[in-house]
Amino acid sequence: MLQVDKVLEWSSTAILLVGVYLTAVNIYPMNVYISLIGNFGWLIVAIIWRKWSLLVVQLVISGLYLYGMLSTLNM
């Protein structure tokens, strides 16, 4: 039986690792967009698992990514 939370957990992890790689090779702003997608996936996982510490971390990280993206658009 396929568990949605497990698929989302590992696919979000893979997406985040791609985002980290893009950051390491300085591919901006794609690294932020990819990392944000991975963080949103982990945010959903945190809600499914009811892991509030993970939820808070993902909310803060996603908020910071969104703030950074919006602030660069308004330059």
C-alpha atoms as a PDB file:
ATOM      1  CA  MET A   1       0.000   0.000   0.000  1.00  0.00           C
ATOM      2  CA  LEU A   2       1.373   3.377  -1.033  1.00  0.00           C
ATOM      3  CA  GLN A   3       1.516   5.877   1.808  1.00  0.00           C
ATOM      4  CA  VAL A   4       1.124   9.441   0.575  1.00  0.00           C
ATOM      5  CA  ASP A   5       3.077  10.911   3.476  1.00  0.00           C
ATOM      6  CA  LYS A   6       6.098   8.709   2.763  1.00  0.00           C
ATOM      7  CA  VAL A   7       6.106   9.589  -0.932  1.00  0.00           C
ATOM      8  CA  LEU A   8       5.759  13.287  -0.100  1.00  0.00           C
ATOM      9  CA  GLU A   9       8.474  13.033   2.570  1.00  0.00           C
ATOM     10  CA  TRP A  10      11.052  11.539   0.219  1.00  0.00           C
ATOM     11  CA  SER A  11      10.118  13.559  -2.866  1.00  0.00           C
ATOM     12  CA  SER A  12      10.312  16.777  -0.824  1.00  0.00           C
ATOM     13  CA  THR A  13      13.688  15.698   0.522  1.00  0.00           C
ATOM     14  CA  ALA A  14      14.952  15.083  -3.024  1.00  0.00           C
ATOM     15  CA  ILE A  15      13.622  18.476  -4.142  1.00  0.00           C
ATOM     16  CA  LEU A  16      15.342  20.186  -1.209  1.00  0.00           C
ATOM     17  CA  LEU A  17      18.613  18.476  -2.067  1.00  0.00           C
ATOM     18  CA  VAL A  18      18.330  19.800  -5.625  1.00  0.00           C
ATOM     19  CA  GLY A  19      17.747  23.254  -4.138  1.00  0.00           C
ATOM     20  CA  VAL A  20      20.864  22.905  -1.984  1.00  0.00           C
ATOM     21  CA  TYR A  21      22.863  21.845  -5.039  1.00  0.00           C
ATOM     22  CA  LEU A  22      21.602  24.847  -7.001  1.00  0.00           C
ATOM     23  CA  THR A  23      22.636  27.081  -4.103  1.00  0.00           C
ATOM     24  CA  ALA A  24      26.095  25.482  -4.033  1.00  0.00           C
ATOM     25  CA  VAL A  25      26.628  26.224  -7.725  1.00  0.00           C
ATOM     26  CA  ASN A  26      25.051  29.687  -7.355  1.00  0.00           C
ATOM     27  CA  ILE A  27      22.066  29.278  -9.666  1.00  0.00           C
ATOM     28  CA  TYR A  28      19.837  32.064  -8.446  1.00  0.00           C
ATOM     29  CA  PRO A  29      16.827  32.499  -8.240  1.00  0.00           C
ATOM     30  CA  MET A  30      16.033  28.930  -9.315  1.00  0.00           C
ATOM     31  CA  ASN A  31      17.571  27.610  -6.075  1.00  0.00           C
ATOM     32  CA  VAL A  32      15.054  29.601  -4.028  1.00  0.00           C
ATOM     33  CA  TYR A  33      12.069  28.434  -6.081  1.00  0.00           C
ATOM     34  CA  ILE A  34      13.084  24.769  -5.915  1.00  0.00           C
ATOM     35  CA  SER A  35      13.833  24.946  -2.191  1.00  0.00           C
ATOM     36  CA  LEU A  36      10.495  26.624  -1.543  1.00  0.00           C
ATOM     37  CA  ILE A  37       8.676  23.769  -3.285  1.00  0.00           C
ATOM     38  CA  GLY A  38      10.531  21.250  -1.123  1.00  0.00           C
ATOM     39  CA  ASN A  39       9.721  23.227   2.011  1.00  0.00           C
ATOM     40  CA  PHE A  40       6.025  23.345   1.150  1.00  0.00           C
ATOM     41  CA  GLY A  41       6.102  19.566   0.718  1.00  0.00           C
ATOM     42  CA  TRP A  42       7.655  19.177   4.159  1.00  0.00           C
ATOM     43  CA  LEU A  43       5.073  21.610   5.530  1.00  0.00           C
ATOM     44  CA  ILE A  44       2.308  19.291   4.338  1.00  0.00           C
ATOM     45  CA  VAL A  45       4.134  16.296   5.839  1.00  0.00           C
ATOM     46  CA  ALA A  46       4.390  18.135   9.176  1.00  0.00           C
ATOM     47  CA  ILE A  47       0.633  18.751   9.119  1.00  0.00           C
ATOM     48  CA  ILE A  48      -0.106  15.101   8.294  1.00  0.00           C
ATOM     49  CA  TRP A  49       2.212  13.881  11.059  1.00  0.00           C
ATOM     50  CA  ARG A  50       1.090  16.586  13.506  1.00  0.00           C
ATOM     51  CA  LYS A  51       4.739  17.388  14.254  1.00  0.00           C
ATOM     52  CA  TRP A  52       4.470  20.952  15.473  1.00  0.00           C
ATOM     53  CA  SER A  53       8.208  21.599  15.741  1.00  0.00           C
ATOM     54  CA  LEU A  54       8.653  20.574  12.102  1.00  0.00           C
ATOM     55  CA  LEU A  55       5.643  22.691  11.145  1.00  0.00           C
ATOM     56  CA  VAL A  56       7.127  25.785  12.805  1.00  0.00           C
ATOM     57  CA  VAL A  57      10.518  25.280  11.146  1.00  0.00           C
ATOM     58  CA  GLN A  58       8.964  24.851   7.697  1.00  0.00           C
ATOM     59  CA  LEU A  59       6.689  27.868   8.159  1.00  0.00           C
ATOM     60  CA  VAL A  60       9.628  30.069   9.149  1.00  0.00           C
ATOM     61  CA  ILE A  61      11.853  28.831   6.315  1.00  0.00           C
ATOM     62  CA  SER A  62       9.065  29.186   3.731  1.00  0.00           C
ATOM     63  CA  GLY A  63       8.231  32.655   5.051  1.00  0.00           C
ATOM     64  CA  LEU A  64      11.853  33.745   4.770  1.00  0.00           C
ATOM     65  CA  TYR A  65      12.113  32.402   1.228  1.00  0.00           C
ATOM     66  CA  LEU A  66       8.900  34.205   0.242  1.00  0.00           C
ATOM     67  CA  TYR A  67      10.059  37.436   1.884  1.00  0.00           C
ATOM     68  CA  GLY A  68      13.371  37.267   0.049  1.00  0.00           C
ATOM     69  CA  MET A  69      11.671  36.547  -3.270  1.00  0.00           C
ATOM     70  CA  LEU A  70       9.193  39.404  -2.872  1.00  0.00           C
ATOM     71  CA  SER A  71      11.840  41.868  -1.704  1.00  0.00           C
ATOM     72  CA  THR A  72      14.002  41.189  -4.773  1.00  0.00           C
ATOM     73  CA  LEU A  73      10.995  41.709  -7.056  1.00  0.00           C
ATOM     74  CA  ASN A  74      10.399  45.174  -5.609  1.00  0.00           C
ATOM     75  CA  MET A  75      13.943  46.435  -6.239  1.00  0.00           C
END
